[in-house]
Amino acid sequence: MAGYLLKNCAAVIVDEGNGPDVRRNVDVLTDGPAIRAIGEGLDKAELPAGTVARDAAGWFVYPGLVNTHHHFFQCFVRNRADLDWTKLSVIEWLDRIYPVFSRLTEECFYHASVTAMAELIKHGCTTAFDHQYCFPRHAGKRLIDRQFEAAELLGMRFHAGRGGNTLPKSQGSTIPDAMLETTDEFIADCAR
């Protein structure tokens, strides 16, 4: 993968122990996803083959943001007026939202992950943790695998979390039976 030379930008440098530092009118040389050098006049040095030089005057280059808690699969329900959580109690919202979630397919989870990750990347996030707890039986056990495929497609650093729903509605849960797993299923998939 070729790198970039971003010329004459402002860059935020985070050095452990010293805190962040803003350097202005510097060049940033990348090698794939890694930063190789930051300084003035890097364009005068011999650059690796394939390096793409860009005038970055007016750009502000900073380390990627980290999202530590997300539910990617929920991105496709945000625009539904009937599911507006601001007008419902948590239990009312769950009672309305879980039947929708119980119908999601493996493809829905994949495309929701692509969409959620693209939104995060657009705003500077390069690393994300998703808490996936929705596993409708008909959707199969490859949902997190598909999330890793989405992350690979977009080049995002991805960390998966795995929740499970083992308590049936008959015992007080708000989860539809179509989303239930046994504890053994949950543990086996975590181990996988």
N, C-alpha and C. Protein backbone atom coordinates (compact mmCIF):
# COMPACT_ATOMS: atom_id res chain seq x y z
N MET A 1 0.85 -1.18 0.00
CA MET A 1 0.00 0.00 0.00
C MET A 1 0.89 1.24 0.00
N ALA A 2 0.67 2.12 -0.95
CA ALA A 2 1.46 3.34 -1.04
C ALA A 2 1.09 4.30 0.08
N GLY A 3 2.00 5.21 0.35
CA GLY A 3 1.76 6.20 1.39
C GLY A 3 1.44 7.56 0.80
N TYR A 4 1.24 8.52 1.68
CA TYR A 4 0.95 9.89 1.28
C TYR A 4 1.95 10.82 1.92
N LEU A 5 2.22 11.92 1.21
CA LEU A 5 2.96 13.03 1.78
C LEU A 5 1.98 14.20 1.82
N LEU A 6 1.54 14.56 3.01
CA LEU A 6 0.63 15.68 3.20
C LEU A 6 1.48 16.89 3.51
N LYS A 7 1.52 17.83 2.58
CA LYS A 7 2.45 18.96 2.68
C LYS A 7 1.80 20.18 3.31
N ASN A 8 2.52 20.80 4.25
CA ASN A 8 2.18 22.09 4.82
C ASN A 8 0.85 22.09 5.59
N CYS A 9 0.64 21.08 6.44
CA CYS A 9 -0.59 21.00 7.21
C CYS A 9 -0.32 21.34 8.68
N ALA A 10 -1.38 21.38 9.45
CA ALA A 10 -1.27 21.44 10.90
C ALA A 10 -1.52 20.02 11.40
N ALA A 11 -0.70 19.56 12.33
CA ALA A 11 -0.82 18.18 12.80
C ALA A 11 -0.84 18.14 14.32
N VAL A 12 -1.73 17.33 14.85
CA VAL A 12 -1.76 17.09 16.29
C VAL A 12 -0.90 15.86 16.54
N ILE A 13 0.09 16.02 17.39
CA ILE A 13 1.00 14.93 17.73
C ILE A 13 0.70 14.51 19.16
N VAL A 14 0.43 13.25 19.37
CA VAL A 14 0.18 12.74 20.72
C VAL A 14 1.37 11.88 21.10
N ASP A 15 2.12 12.35 22.08
CA ASP A 15 3.31 11.65 22.54
C ASP A 15 3.06 11.27 24.00
N GLU A 16 3.05 9.96 24.28
CA GLU A 16 2.78 9.52 25.65
C GLU A 16 3.68 10.22 26.64
N GLY A 17 3.08 10.72 27.69
CA GLY A 17 3.83 11.40 28.73
C GLY A 17 3.92 12.90 28.52
N ASN A 18 3.84 13.35 27.28
CA ASN A 18 3.97 14.78 27.00
C ASN A 18 2.65 15.44 26.61
N GLY A 19 1.61 14.63 26.39
CA GLY A 19 0.33 15.19 25.98
C GLY A 19 0.34 15.61 24.52
N PRO A 20 -0.78 16.16 24.05
CA PRO A 20 -0.88 16.55 22.64
C PRO A 20 -0.12 17.84 22.36
N ASP A 21 0.38 17.92 21.14
CA ASP A 21 1.12 19.10 20.68
C ASP A 21 0.65 19.39 19.26
N VAL A 22 0.37 20.65 18.95
CA VAL A 22 -0.03 21.03 17.59
C VAL A 22 1.17 21.63 16.88
N ARG A 23 1.52 21.04 15.75
CA ARG A 23 2.61 21.58 14.93
C ARG A 23 2.00 22.12 13.65
N ARG A 24 2.39 23.31 13.31
CA ARG A 24 1.83 23.97 12.12
C ARG A 24 2.85 24.00 11.00
N ASN A 25 2.33 24.01 9.78
CA ASN A 25 3.17 24.08 8.57
C ASN A 25 4.20 22.97 8.52
N VAL A 26 3.74 21.75 8.77
CA VAL A 26 4.62 20.59 8.70
C VAL A 26 4.12 19.65 7.61
N ASP A 27 4.98 18.72 7.25
CA ASP A 27 4.62 17.65 6.33
C ASP A 27 4.41 16.37 7.14
N VAL A 28 3.48 15.54 6.69
CA VAL A 28 3.24 14.24 7.31
C VAL A 28 3.42 13.19 6.23
N LEU A 29 4.32 12.25 6.47
CA LEU A 29 4.58 11.16 5.53
C LEU A 29 4.02 9.88 6.11
N THR A 30 3.13 9.24 5.35
CA THR A 30 2.55 7.97 5.81
C THR A 30 3.10 6.82 4.98
N ASP A 31 3.06 5.66 5.58
CA ASP A 31 3.44 4.42 4.90
C ASP A 31 2.29 3.46 5.16
N GLY A 32 1.36 3.35 4.21
CA GLY A 32 0.14 2.59 4.46
C GLY A 32 -0.63 3.29 5.56
N PRO A 33 -1.06 2.57 6.59
CA PRO A 33 -1.81 3.21 7.66
C PRO A 33 -0.93 3.84 8.75
N ALA A 34 0.38 3.71 8.63
CA ALA A 34 1.29 4.20 9.67
C ALA A 34 1.93 5.52 9.28
N ILE A 35 2.20 6.36 10.28
CA ILE A 35 2.92 7.60 10.05
C ILE A 35 4.41 7.29 10.10
N ARG A 36 5.10 7.66 9.04
CA ARG A 36 6.54 7.39 8.95
C ARG A 36 7.35 8.58 9.48
N ALA A 37 6.90 9.82 9.17
CA ALA A 37 7.66 11.01 9.61
C ALA A 37 6.74 12.22 9.64
N ILE A 38 7.08 13.15 10.55
CA ILE A 38 6.40 14.44 10.64
C ILE A 38 7.49 15.49 10.79
N GLY A 39 7.44 16.50 9.95
CA GLY A 39 8.45 17.56 10.04
C GLY A 39 8.36 18.51 8.87
N GLU A 40 9.27 19.45 8.84
CA GLU A 40 9.30 20.43 7.75
C GLU A 40 10.15 19.92 6.61
N GLY A 41 9.75 20.22 5.39
CA GLY A 41 10.55 19.93 4.21
C GLY A 41 10.72 18.46 3.87
N LEU A 42 9.78 17.63 4.26
CA LEU A 42 9.91 16.20 3.94
C LEU A 42 9.86 15.94 2.44
N ASP A 43 9.28 16.88 1.69
CA ASP A 43 9.20 16.70 0.25
C ASP A 43 10.57 16.81 -0.43
N LYS A 44 11.56 17.29 0.29
CA LYS A 44 12.91 17.41 -0.27
C LYS A 44 13.70 16.10 -0.12
N ALA A 45 13.20 15.20 0.71
CA ALA A 45 13.87 13.91 0.92
C ALA A 45 13.40 12.92 -0.15
N GLU A 46 14.14 11.83 -0.29
CA GLU A 46 13.71 10.78 -1.22
C GLU A 46 12.51 10.06 -0.61
N LEU A 47 11.44 10.01 -1.38
CA LEU A 47 10.20 9.41 -0.89
C LEU A 47 10.08 7.96 -1.38
N PRO A 48 9.43 7.11 -0.60
CA PRO A 48 9.21 5.73 -1.06
C PRO A 48 8.44 5.72 -2.38
N ALA A 49 8.72 4.74 -3.22
CA ALA A 49 8.04 4.61 -4.49
C ALA A 49 6.53 4.54 -4.29
N GLY A 50 5.80 5.25 -5.12
CA GLY A 50 4.34 5.22 -5.06
C GLY A 50 3.73 6.23 -4.11
N THR A 51 4.54 7.00 -3.41
CA THR A 51 4.01 7.99 -2.48
C THR A 51 3.24 9.06 -3.25
N VAL A 52 2.05 9.37 -2.77
CA VAL A 52 1.21 10.39 -3.39
C VAL A 52 1.35 11.67 -2.58
N ALA A 53 1.82 12.74 -3.23
CA ALA A 53 1.99 14.03 -2.54
C ALA A 53 0.73 14.86 -2.71
N ARG A 54 0.29 15.48 -1.61
CA ARG A 54 -0.90 16.34 -1.64
C ARG A 54 -0.58 17.64 -0.92
N ASP A 55 -1.03 18.74 -1.52
CA ASP A 55 -0.93 20.02 -0.82
C ASP A 55 -2.01 20.01 0.26
N ALA A 56 -1.60 20.03 1.51
CA ALA A 56 -2.54 19.93 2.62
C ALA A 56 -2.64 21.24 3.40
N ALA A 57 -2.27 22.34 2.76
CA ALA A 57 -2.40 23.64 3.42
C ALA A 57 -3.86 23.83 3.82
N GLY A 58 -4.08 24.22 5.06
CA GLY A 58 -5.43 24.39 5.57
C GLY A 58 -6.02 23.12 6.17
N TRP A 59 -5.32 21.99 6.04
CA TRP A 59 -5.79 20.74 6.63
C TRP A 59 -5.33 20.66 8.08
N PHE A 60 -6.12 19.96 8.86
CA PHE A 60 -5.80 19.70 10.26
C PHE A 60 -5.76 18.19 10.42
N VAL A 61 -4.58 17.62 10.60
CA VAL A 61 -4.40 16.17 10.67
C VAL A 61 -4.28 15.77 12.13
N TYR A 62 -5.07 14.78 12.53
CA TYR A 62 -5.06 14.37 13.93
C TYR A 62 -5.22 12.86 14.03
N PRO A 63 -4.86 12.28 15.18
CA PRO A 63 -5.02 10.83 15.35
C PRO A 63 -6.49 10.45 15.25
N GLY A 64 -6.75 9.24 14.76
CA GLY A 64 -8.11 8.77 14.65
C GLY A 64 -8.80 8.68 15.99
N LEU A 65 -10.08 9.00 16.00
CA LEU A 65 -10.88 8.90 17.22
C LEU A 65 -11.24 7.44 17.48
N VAL A 66 -11.56 7.14 18.74
CA VAL A 66 -11.92 5.79 19.15
C VAL A 66 -13.33 5.82 19.73
N ASN A 67 -14.20 4.99 19.18
CA ASN A 67 -15.56 4.85 19.69
C ASN A 67 -15.58 3.58 20.54
N THR A 68 -15.90 3.73 21.81
CA THR A 68 -15.78 2.59 22.73
C THR A 68 -17.09 1.85 23.00
N HIS A 69 -18.20 2.31 22.42
CA HIS A 69 -19.46 1.59 22.64
C HIS A 69 -20.44 1.98 21.55
N HIS A 70 -20.87 1.00 20.78
CA HIS A 70 -21.80 1.25 19.69
C HIS A 70 -22.71 0.03 19.55
N HIS A 71 -23.80 0.21 18.82
CA HIS A 71 -24.67 -0.89 18.41
C HIS A 71 -24.91 -0.68 16.92
N PHE A 72 -24.01 -1.16 16.09
CA PHE A 72 -24.07 -0.91 14.65
C PHE A 72 -25.42 -1.30 14.06
N PHE A 73 -25.96 -2.41 14.50
CA PHE A 73 -27.18 -2.92 13.88
C PHE A 73 -28.36 -1.97 14.05
N GLN A 74 -28.27 -1.04 14.98
CA GLN A 74 -29.39 -0.14 15.23
C GLN A 74 -29.44 1.06 14.27
N CYS A 75 -28.43 1.21 13.42
CA CYS A 75 -28.38 2.44 12.60
C CYS A 75 -29.55 2.57 11.64
N PHE A 76 -30.16 1.47 11.24
CA PHE A 76 -31.26 1.56 10.27
C PHE A 76 -32.62 1.88 10.90
N VAL A 77 -32.70 2.02 12.19
CA VAL A 77 -34.00 2.33 12.80
C VAL A 77 -34.04 3.76 13.36
N ARG A 78 -32.98 4.49 13.21
CA ARG A 78 -32.93 5.84 13.78
C ARG A 78 -33.95 6.80 13.20
N ASN A 79 -34.37 6.58 11.98
CA ASN A 79 -35.26 7.53 11.32
C ASN A 79 -36.74 7.14 11.41
N ARG A 80 -37.07 6.16 12.22
CA ARG A 80 -38.47 5.73 12.35
C ARG A 80 -39.16 6.51 13.46
N ALA A 81 -40.15 7.30 13.09
CA ALA A 81 -40.86 8.15 14.05
C ALA A 81 -41.53 7.33 15.15
N ASP A 82 -42.01 6.13 14.80
CA ASP A 82 -42.69 5.30 15.79
C ASP A 82 -41.74 4.71 16.83
N LEU A 83 -40.44 4.85 16.58
CA LEU A 83 -39.44 4.32 17.51
C LEU A 83 -38.63 5.44 18.17
N ASP A 84 -39.20 6.63 18.25
CA ASP A 84 -38.49 7.79 18.82
C ASP A 84 -38.35 7.62 20.33
N TRP A 85 -37.15 7.23 20.73
CA TRP A 85 -36.89 6.95 22.15
C TRP A 85 -37.08 8.17 23.04
N THR A 86 -37.04 9.38 22.47
CA THR A 86 -37.20 10.58 23.31
C THR A 86 -38.64 10.74 23.79
N LYS A 87 -39.57 10.01 23.17
CA LYS A 87 -40.98 10.13 23.55
C LYS A 87 -41.50 8.89 24.25
N LEU A 88 -40.61 7.95 24.54
CA LEU A 88 -41.02 6.67 25.14
C LEU A 88 -40.18 6.38 26.38
N SER A 89 -40.75 5.60 27.28
CA SER A 89 -39.93 5.09 28.38
C SER A 89 -39.01 4.01 27.79
N VAL A 90 -38.00 3.63 28.52
CA VAL A 90 -37.07 2.60 28.03
C VAL A 90 -37.83 1.31 27.73
N ILE A 91 -38.71 0.89 28.63
CA ILE A 91 -39.45 -0.36 28.43
C ILE A 91 -40.38 -0.25 27.22
N GLU A 92 -41.04 0.90 27.04
CA GLU A 92 -41.89 1.09 25.86
C GLU A 92 -41.05 0.99 24.58
N TRP A 93 -39.88 1.63 24.60
CA TRP A 93 -39.00 1.60 23.43
C TRP A 93 -38.56 0.16 23.14
N LEU A 94 -38.14 -0.55 24.18
CA LEU A 94 -37.70 -1.94 23.98
C LEU A 94 -38.83 -2.80 23.44
N ASP A 95 -40.03 -2.61 23.98
CA ASP A 95 -41.18 -3.40 23.51
C ASP A 95 -41.47 -3.14 22.03
N ARG A 96 -41.16 -1.95 21.54
CA ARG A 96 -41.39 -1.63 20.13
C ARG A 96 -40.20 -2.03 19.25
N ILE A 97 -38.99 -1.89 19.78
CA ILE A 97 -37.81 -2.06 18.95
C ILE A 97 -37.40 -3.52 18.79
N TYR A 98 -37.54 -4.32 19.84
CA TYR A 98 -37.09 -5.71 19.74
C TYR A 98 -37.82 -6.52 18.68
N PRO A 99 -39.13 -6.35 18.48
CA PRO A 99 -39.76 -7.09 17.38
C PRO A 99 -39.16 -6.72 16.01
N VAL A 100 -38.73 -5.46 15.85
CA VAL A 100 -38.07 -5.05 14.61
C VAL A 100 -36.71 -5.76 14.51
N PHE A 101 -35.95 -5.72 15.59
CA PHE A 101 -34.62 -6.35 15.59
C PHE A 101 -34.70 -7.85 15.37
N SER A 102 -35.77 -8.46 15.84
CA SER A 102 -35.88 -9.92 15.71
C SER A 102 -36.05 -10.36 14.26
N ARG A 103 -36.38 -9.43 13.37
CA ARG A 103 -36.57 -9.77 11.95
C ARG A 103 -35.33 -9.53 11.10
N LEU A 104 -34.27 -9.01 11.68
CA LEU A 104 -33.06 -8.69 10.91
C LEU A 104 -32.40 -9.97 10.38
N THR A 105 -31.79 -9.84 9.22
CA THR A 105 -31.09 -10.97 8.60
C THR A 105 -29.58 -10.73 8.67
N GLU A 106 -28.83 -11.75 8.29
CA GLU A 106 -27.37 -11.61 8.25
C GLU A 106 -26.98 -10.44 7.35
N GLU A 107 -27.63 -10.30 6.22
CA GLU A 107 -27.31 -9.20 5.30
C GLU A 107 -27.63 -7.84 5.93
N CYS A 108 -28.71 -7.76 6.69
CA CYS A 108 -29.04 -6.51 7.40
C CYS A 108 -27.91 -6.12 8.35
N PHE A 109 -27.40 -7.11 9.08
CA PHE A 109 -26.32 -6.82 10.03
C PHE A 109 -25.06 -6.35 9.30
N TYR A 110 -24.76 -6.98 8.18
CA TYR A 110 -23.59 -6.58 7.40
C TYR A 110 -23.73 -5.15 6.90
N HIS A 111 -24.86 -4.84 6.26
CA HIS A 111 -25.04 -3.51 5.69
C HIS A 111 -25.18 -2.43 6.76
N ALA A 112 -25.79 -2.78 7.89
CA ALA A 112 -25.86 -1.83 9.00
C ALA A 112 -24.46 -1.54 9.53
N SER A 113 -23.60 -2.56 9.58
CA SER A 113 -22.22 -2.37 10.04
C SER A 113 -21.44 -1.49 9.08
N VAL A 114 -21.59 -1.73 7.78
CA VAL A 114 -20.92 -0.88 6.78
C VAL A 114 -21.37 0.57 6.95
N THR A 115 -22.67 0.78 7.09
CA THR A 115 -23.21 2.13 7.23
C THR A 115 -22.72 2.80 8.51
N ALA A 116 -22.79 2.10 9.64
CA ALA A 116 -22.37 2.68 10.92
C ALA A 116 -20.88 3.01 10.89
N MET A 117 -20.07 2.09 10.36
CA MET A 117 -18.63 2.34 10.29
C MET A 117 -18.31 3.51 9.37
N ALA A 118 -18.99 3.60 8.23
CA ALA A 118 -18.76 4.71 7.30
C ALA A 118 -19.10 6.04 7.96
N GLU A 119 -20.18 6.07 8.72
CA GLU A 119 -20.54 7.30 9.44
C GLU A 119 -19.45 7.68 10.43
N LEU A 120 -18.94 6.69 11.17
CA LEU A 120 -17.88 6.97 12.14
C LEU A 120 -16.62 7.46 11.45
N ILE A 121 -16.23 6.79 10.38
CA ILE A 121 -15.02 7.18 9.64
C ILE A 121 -15.15 8.60 9.10
N LYS A 122 -16.33 8.93 8.60
CA LYS A 122 -16.58 10.27 8.05
C LYS A 122 -16.26 11.36 9.08
N HIS A 123 -16.45 11.05 10.34
CA HIS A 123 -16.25 12.04 11.40
C HIS A 123 -14.94 11.83 12.17
N GLY A 124 -14.01 11.04 11.60
CA GLY A 124 -12.68 10.94 12.18
C GLY A 124 -12.41 9.75 13.07
N CYS A 125 -13.38 8.85 13.19
CA CYS A 125 -13.18 7.65 14.02
C CYS A 125 -12.50 6.57 13.19
N THR A 126 -11.42 6.01 13.71
CA THR A 126 -10.70 4.96 12.99
C THR A 126 -10.72 3.63 13.74
N THR A 127 -11.18 3.63 14.98
CA THR A 127 -11.25 2.42 15.80
C THR A 127 -12.60 2.40 16.50
N ALA A 128 -13.27 1.25 16.44
CA ALA A 128 -14.59 1.17 17.08
C ALA A 128 -14.78 -0.17 17.77
N PHE A 129 -15.54 -0.13 18.84
CA PHE A 129 -15.98 -1.32 19.57
C PHE A 129 -17.49 -1.40 19.41
N ASP A 130 -17.97 -2.52 18.91
CA ASP A 130 -19.41 -2.69 18.78
C ASP A 130 -19.89 -3.74 19.77
N HIS A 131 -20.95 -3.40 20.47
CA HIS A 131 -21.56 -4.35 21.41
C HIS A 131 -22.73 -5.00 20.69
N GLN A 132 -22.48 -6.16 20.12
CA GLN A 132 -23.50 -6.91 19.36
C GLN A 132 -24.19 -7.88 20.32
N TYR A 133 -25.46 -7.67 20.51
CA TYR A 133 -26.22 -8.56 21.40
C TYR A 133 -27.47 -9.10 20.74
N CYS A 134 -27.71 -8.74 19.50
CA CYS A 134 -28.92 -9.15 18.80
C CYS A 134 -28.58 -10.30 17.85
N PHE A 135 -29.04 -11.50 18.17
CA PHE A 135 -28.77 -12.68 17.37
C PHE A 135 -30.07 -13.43 17.07
N PRO A 136 -30.89 -12.90 16.15
CA PRO A 136 -32.11 -13.63 15.79
C PRO A 136 -31.74 -15.02 15.27
N ARG A 137 -32.46 -16.02 15.68
CA ARG A 137 -32.12 -17.40 15.31
C ARG A 137 -32.00 -17.59 13.79
N HIS A 138 -32.92 -17.01 13.04
CA HIS A 138 -32.92 -17.21 11.59
C HIS A 138 -31.71 -16.55 10.90
N ALA A 139 -31.04 -15.61 11.59
CA ALA A 139 -29.92 -14.88 10.99
C ALA A 139 -28.61 -15.65 11.06
N GLY A 140 -28.56 -16.69 11.84
CA GLY A 140 -27.35 -17.51 11.92
C GLY A 140 -26.34 -16.98 12.92
N LYS A 141 -25.18 -17.61 12.95
CA LYS A 141 -24.15 -17.29 13.94
C LYS A 141 -22.96 -16.53 13.35
N ARG A 142 -23.09 -16.05 12.10
CA ARG A 142 -21.97 -15.37 11.46
C ARG A 142 -22.09 -13.84 11.49
N LEU A 143 -22.90 -13.32 12.37
CA LEU A 143 -23.15 -11.88 12.36
C LEU A 143 -21.89 -11.07 12.67
N ILE A 144 -21.15 -11.50 13.67
CA ILE A 144 -19.91 -10.79 14.00
C ILE A 144 -18.87 -11.00 12.90
N ASP A 145 -18.85 -12.17 12.30
CA ASP A 145 -17.95 -12.42 11.16
C ASP A 145 -18.22 -11.39 10.07
N ARG A 146 -19.49 -11.12 9.83
CA ARG A 146 -19.86 -10.15 8.78
C ARG A 146 -19.43 -8.74 9.18
N GLN A 147 -19.43 -8.45 10.48
CA GLN A 147 -18.96 -7.15 10.92
C GLN A 147 -17.46 -7.00 10.64
N PHE A 148 -16.71 -8.07 10.86
CA PHE A 148 -15.29 -8.03 10.53
C PHE A 148 -15.08 -7.83 9.03
N GLU A 149 -15.94 -8.43 8.21
CA GLU A 149 -15.86 -8.21 6.77
C GLU A 149 -16.10 -6.74 6.43
N ALA A 150 -17.08 -6.13 7.08
CA ALA A 150 -17.37 -4.71 6.85
C ALA A 150 -16.17 -3.85 7.26
N ALA A 151 -15.57 -4.17 8.40
CA ALA A 151 -14.40 -3.40 8.86
C ALA A 151 -13.24 -3.54 7.88
N GLU A 152 -13.04 -4.74 7.36
CA GLU A 152 -11.97 -4.95 6.38
C GLU A 152 -12.25 -4.17 5.10
N LEU A 153 -13.50 -4.15 4.67
CA LEU A 153 -13.88 -3.40 3.47
C LEU A 153 -13.52 -1.92 3.61
N LEU A 154 -13.76 -1.36 4.79
CA LEU A 154 -13.57 0.08 5.00
C LEU A 154 -12.23 0.44 5.62
N GLY A 155 -11.48 -0.55 6.10
CA GLY A 155 -10.18 -0.27 6.69
C GLY A 155 -10.25 0.25 8.12
N MET A 156 -11.31 -0.07 8.83
CA MET A 156 -11.45 0.39 10.21
C MET A 156 -10.89 -0.65 11.17
N ARG A 157 -10.26 -0.18 12.24
CA ARG A 157 -9.86 -1.09 13.32
C ARG A 157 -11.15 -1.42 14.09
N PHE A 158 -11.42 -2.69 14.25
CA PHE A 158 -12.70 -3.11 14.81
C PHE A 158 -12.49 -4.10 15.94
N HIS A 159 -13.19 -3.86 17.03
CA HIS A 159 -13.19 -4.77 18.18
C HIS A 159 -14.64 -5.17 18.43
N ALA A 160 -14.87 -6.46 18.51
CA ALA A 160 -16.23 -6.96 18.66
C ALA A 160 -16.52 -7.34 20.10
N GLY A 161 -17.68 -6.95 20.55
CA GLY A 161 -18.19 -7.41 21.83
C GLY A 161 -19.39 -8.30 21.55
N ARG A 162 -19.63 -9.24 22.41
CA ARG A 162 -20.70 -10.22 22.14
C ARG A 162 -21.57 -10.34 23.37
N GLY A 163 -22.81 -9.94 23.25
CA GLY A 163 -23.77 -10.15 24.31
C GLY A 163 -24.69 -11.29 23.92
N GLY A 164 -25.56 -11.65 24.81
CA GLY A 164 -26.50 -12.72 24.52
C GLY A 164 -27.79 -12.52 25.30
N ASN A 165 -28.85 -13.08 24.78
CA ASN A 165 -30.16 -12.99 25.42
C ASN A 165 -30.63 -14.41 25.72
N THR A 166 -30.69 -14.74 26.99
CA THR A 166 -31.05 -16.10 27.38
C THR A 166 -32.33 -16.17 28.22
N LEU A 167 -32.89 -15.02 28.59
CA LEU A 167 -34.08 -15.00 29.44
C LEU A 167 -35.33 -14.84 28.58
N PRO A 168 -36.25 -15.81 28.60
CA PRO A 168 -37.46 -15.71 27.77
C PRO A 168 -38.45 -14.68 28.31
N LYS A 169 -39.34 -14.24 27.43
CA LYS A 169 -40.39 -13.28 27.81
C LYS A 169 -41.22 -13.81 28.97
N SER A 170 -41.46 -15.10 28.98
CA SER A 170 -42.28 -15.71 30.02
C SER A 170 -41.66 -15.53 31.42
N GLN A 171 -40.37 -15.20 31.46
CA GLN A 171 -39.69 -14.99 32.74
C GLN A 171 -39.35 -13.52 32.97
N GLY A 172 -39.99 -12.62 32.19
CA GLY A 172 -39.84 -11.19 32.45
C GLY A 172 -38.99 -10.41 31.46
N SER A 173 -38.42 -11.05 30.48
CA SER A 173 -37.59 -10.36 29.50
C SER A 173 -38.46 -9.58 28.52
N THR A 174 -37.88 -8.58 27.89
CA THR A 174 -38.55 -7.86 26.80
C THR A 174 -38.14 -8.43 25.44
N ILE A 175 -37.23 -9.39 25.45
CA ILE A 175 -36.67 -9.97 24.22
C ILE A 175 -37.67 -10.95 23.59
N PRO A 176 -37.96 -10.81 22.29
CA PRO A 176 -38.79 -11.81 21.63
C PRO A 176 -38.09 -13.18 21.62
N ASP A 177 -38.88 -14.23 21.65
CA ASP A 177 -38.30 -15.58 21.67
C ASP A 177 -37.42 -15.84 20.45
N ALA A 178 -37.67 -15.17 19.34
CA ALA A 178 -36.86 -15.36 18.12
C ALA A 178 -35.42 -14.88 18.31
N MET A 179 -35.17 -14.12 19.39
CA MET A 179 -33.81 -13.62 19.65
C MET A 179 -33.12 -14.35 20.78
N LEU A 180 -33.74 -15.36 21.33
CA LEU A 180 -33.16 -16.07 22.47
C LEU A 180 -32.08 -17.06 22.03
N GLU A 181 -31.11 -17.24 22.90
CA GLU A 181 -30.07 -18.27 22.73
C GLU A 181 -29.99 -19.03 24.03
N THR A 182 -29.42 -20.19 23.98
CA THR A 182 -29.11 -20.87 25.23
C THR A 182 -27.77 -20.33 25.72
N THR A 183 -27.51 -20.52 26.98
CA THR A 183 -26.22 -20.10 27.53
C THR A 183 -25.09 -20.85 26.83
N ASP A 184 -25.30 -22.13 26.55
CA ASP A 184 -24.27 -22.91 25.85
C ASP A 184 -23.99 -22.37 24.46
N GLU A 185 -25.05 -21.97 23.73
CA GLU A 185 -24.85 -21.38 22.39
C GLU A 185 -24.03 -20.09 22.49
N PHE A 186 -24.39 -19.27 23.45
CA PHE A 186 -23.69 -18.00 23.67
C PHE A 186 -22.22 -18.23 23.97
N ILE A 187 -21.94 -19.12 24.90
CA ILE A 187 -20.54 -19.40 25.29
C ILE A 187 -19.76 -20.00 24.13
N ALA A 188 -20.37 -20.92 23.40
CA ALA A 188 -19.68 -21.56 22.26
C ALA A 188 -19.32 -20.53 21.19
N ASP A 189 -20.22 -19.58 20.94
CA ASP A 189 -19.92 -18.58 19.92
C ASP A 189 -18.84 -17.62 20.41
N CYS A 190 -18.86 -17.28 21.70
CA CYS A 190 -17.80 -16.43 22.25
C CYS A 190 -16.44 -17.13 22.11
N ALA A 191 -16.40 -18.42 22.42
CA ALA A 191 -15.16 -19.17 22.31
C ALA A 191 -14.68 -19.25 20.86
N ARG A 192 -15.62 -19.39 19.94
CA ARG A 192 -15.27 -19.45 18.51
C ARG A 192 -14.58 -18.19 18.09
